[in-house]
Amino acid sequence: MTWDDLPNGGARARAERARDHDAGESYYWAPGHDLDAVTDTEYLEITRAEEYDAPTEHCARGIGG
């Protein structure tokens, strides 16, 4: 489970649907979503330590790492 917070900027989360999020919002999206920065964006991802490796590996594969 991952919660995200946007202290500033804007982002679009996409899965079976898309939704834009603005600065000051916190939100949860189920695993399998993609996040696109709409503007210069900082975000905070909150994940349980034991659940951290899978999303990190997924992101690394997405950027070719």
C-alpha atoms as a PDB file:
ATOM      1  CA  MET A   1       0.000   0.000   0.000  1.00  0.00           C
ATOM      2  CA  THR A   2       1.407   3.385  -0.995  1.00  0.00           C
ATOM      3  CA  TRP A   3       0.120   6.797  -0.083  1.00  0.00           C
ATOM      4  CA  ASP A   4       1.442   9.877  -1.864  1.00  0.00           C
ATOM      5  CA  ASP A   5       1.467  13.523  -0.859  1.00  0.00           C
ATOM      6  CA  LEU A   6       2.144  16.475  -3.166  1.00  0.00           C
ATOM      7  CA  PRO A   7       3.670  19.374  -1.217  1.00  0.00           C
ATOM      8  CA  ASN A   8       3.839  21.386  -4.459  1.00  0.00           C
ATOM      9  CA  GLY A   9       3.281  21.003  -8.175  1.00  0.00           C
ATOM     10  CA  GLY A  10       0.802  18.783  -9.927  1.00  0.00           C
ATOM     11  CA  ALA A  11       0.671  15.154 -11.031  1.00  0.00           C
ATOM     12  CA  ARG A  12      -1.590  12.832 -13.005  1.00  0.00           C
ATOM     13  CA  ALA A  13      -2.087   9.288 -11.766  1.00  0.00           C
ATOM     14  CA  ARG A  14      -3.200   6.741 -14.369  1.00  0.00           C
ATOM     15  CA  ALA A  15      -4.476   3.191 -14.084  1.00  0.00           C
ATOM     16  CA  GLU A  16      -7.891   2.123 -15.388  1.00  0.00           C
ATOM     17  CA  ARG A  17      -8.746   5.832 -15.194  1.00  0.00           C
ATOM     18  CA  ALA A  18      -6.759   9.043 -14.786  1.00  0.00           C
ATOM     19  CA  ARG A  19      -7.004  11.775 -12.176  1.00  0.00           C
ATOM     20  CA  ASP A  20      -5.061  14.981 -11.695  1.00  0.00           C
ATOM     21  CA  HIS A  21      -3.781  15.881  -8.236  1.00  0.00           C
ATOM     22  CA  ASP A  22      -2.715  19.339  -7.073  1.00  0.00           C
ATOM     23  CA  ALA A  23      -0.331  20.674  -4.438  1.00  0.00           C
ATOM     24  CA  GLY A  24      -1.557  19.947  -0.922  1.00  0.00           C
ATOM     25  CA  GLU A  25      -3.362  16.728  -1.819  1.00  0.00           C
ATOM     26  CA  SER A  26      -2.693  13.305  -0.353  1.00  0.00           C
ATOM     27  CA  TYR A  27      -4.028  10.238  -2.126  1.00  0.00           C
ATOM     28  CA  TYR A  28      -3.883   6.464  -2.464  1.00  0.00           C
ATOM     29  CA  TRP A  29      -3.729   4.543  -5.722  1.00  0.00           C
ATOM     30  CA  ALA A  30      -3.633   0.759  -5.894  1.00  0.00           C
ATOM     31  CA  PRO A  31      -0.507  -0.984  -7.221  1.00  0.00           C
ATOM     32  CA  GLY A  32      -0.080  -0.802 -10.979  1.00  0.00           C
ATOM     33  CA  HIS A  33      -0.645   2.923 -11.444  1.00  0.00           C
ATOM     34  CA  ASP A  34       1.616   5.344 -13.303  1.00  0.00           C
ATOM     35  CA  LEU A  35       2.346   8.866 -12.087  1.00  0.00           C
ATOM     36  CA  ASP A  36       3.163  11.699 -14.500  1.00  0.00           C
ATOM     37  CA  ALA A  37       4.354  15.128 -13.403  1.00  0.00           C
ATOM     38  CA  VAL A  38       2.078  17.781 -14.911  1.00  0.00           C
ATOM     39  CA  THR A  39       4.277  20.620 -13.621  1.00  0.00           C
ATOM     40  CA  ASP A  40       7.523  20.747 -11.658  1.00  0.00           C
ATOM     41  CA  THR A  41       6.520  18.501  -8.787  1.00  0.00           C
ATOM     42  CA  GLU A  42       7.778  17.219  -5.471  1.00  0.00           C
ATOM     43  CA  TYR A  43       6.013  14.253  -3.958  1.00  0.00           C
ATOM     44  CA  LEU A  44       6.335  12.182  -0.855  1.00  0.00           C
ATOM     45  CA  GLU A  45       5.687   8.436  -1.079  1.00  0.00           C
ATOM     46  CA  ILE A  46       4.674   6.708   2.136  1.00  0.00           C
ATOM     47  CA  THR A  47       5.132   2.934   2.057  1.00  0.00           C
ATOM     48  CA  ARG A  48       5.553   0.295   4.768  1.00  0.00           C
ATOM     49  CA  ALA A  49       9.177  -0.834   4.921  1.00  0.00           C
ATOM     50  CA  GLU A  50       8.294  -4.458   4.155  1.00  0.00           C
ATOM     51  CA  GLU A  51       6.352  -3.368   1.044  1.00  0.00           C
ATOM     52  CA  TYR A  52       8.976  -0.987  -0.324  1.00  0.00           C
ATOM     53  CA  ASP A  53      11.092  -3.287  -2.525  1.00  0.00           C
ATOM     54  CA  ALA A  54       8.420  -4.292  -5.065  1.00  0.00           C
ATOM     55  CA  PRO A  55       7.418  -0.725  -6.084  1.00  0.00           C
ATOM     56  CA  THR A  56      11.063   0.352  -6.174  1.00  0.00           C
ATOM     57  CA  GLU A  57      11.981  -2.550  -8.465  1.00  0.00           C
ATOM     58  CA  HIS A  58       8.961  -1.786 -10.657  1.00  0.00           C
ATOM     59  CA  CYS A  59      10.078   1.842 -11.040  1.00  0.00           C
ATOM     60  CA  ALA A  60      13.651   0.791 -11.789  1.00  0.00           C
ATOM     61  CA  ARG A  61      12.427  -1.519 -14.585  1.00  0.00           C
ATOM     62  CA  GLY A  62      10.315   1.325 -15.961  1.00  0.00           C
ATOM     63  CA  ILE A  63      13.341   3.592 -16.311  1.00  0.00           C
ATOM     64  CA  GLY A  64      15.567   0.831 -17.627  1.00  0.00           C
ATOM     65  CA  GLY A  65      17.515   0.164 -14.413  1.00  0.00           C
END
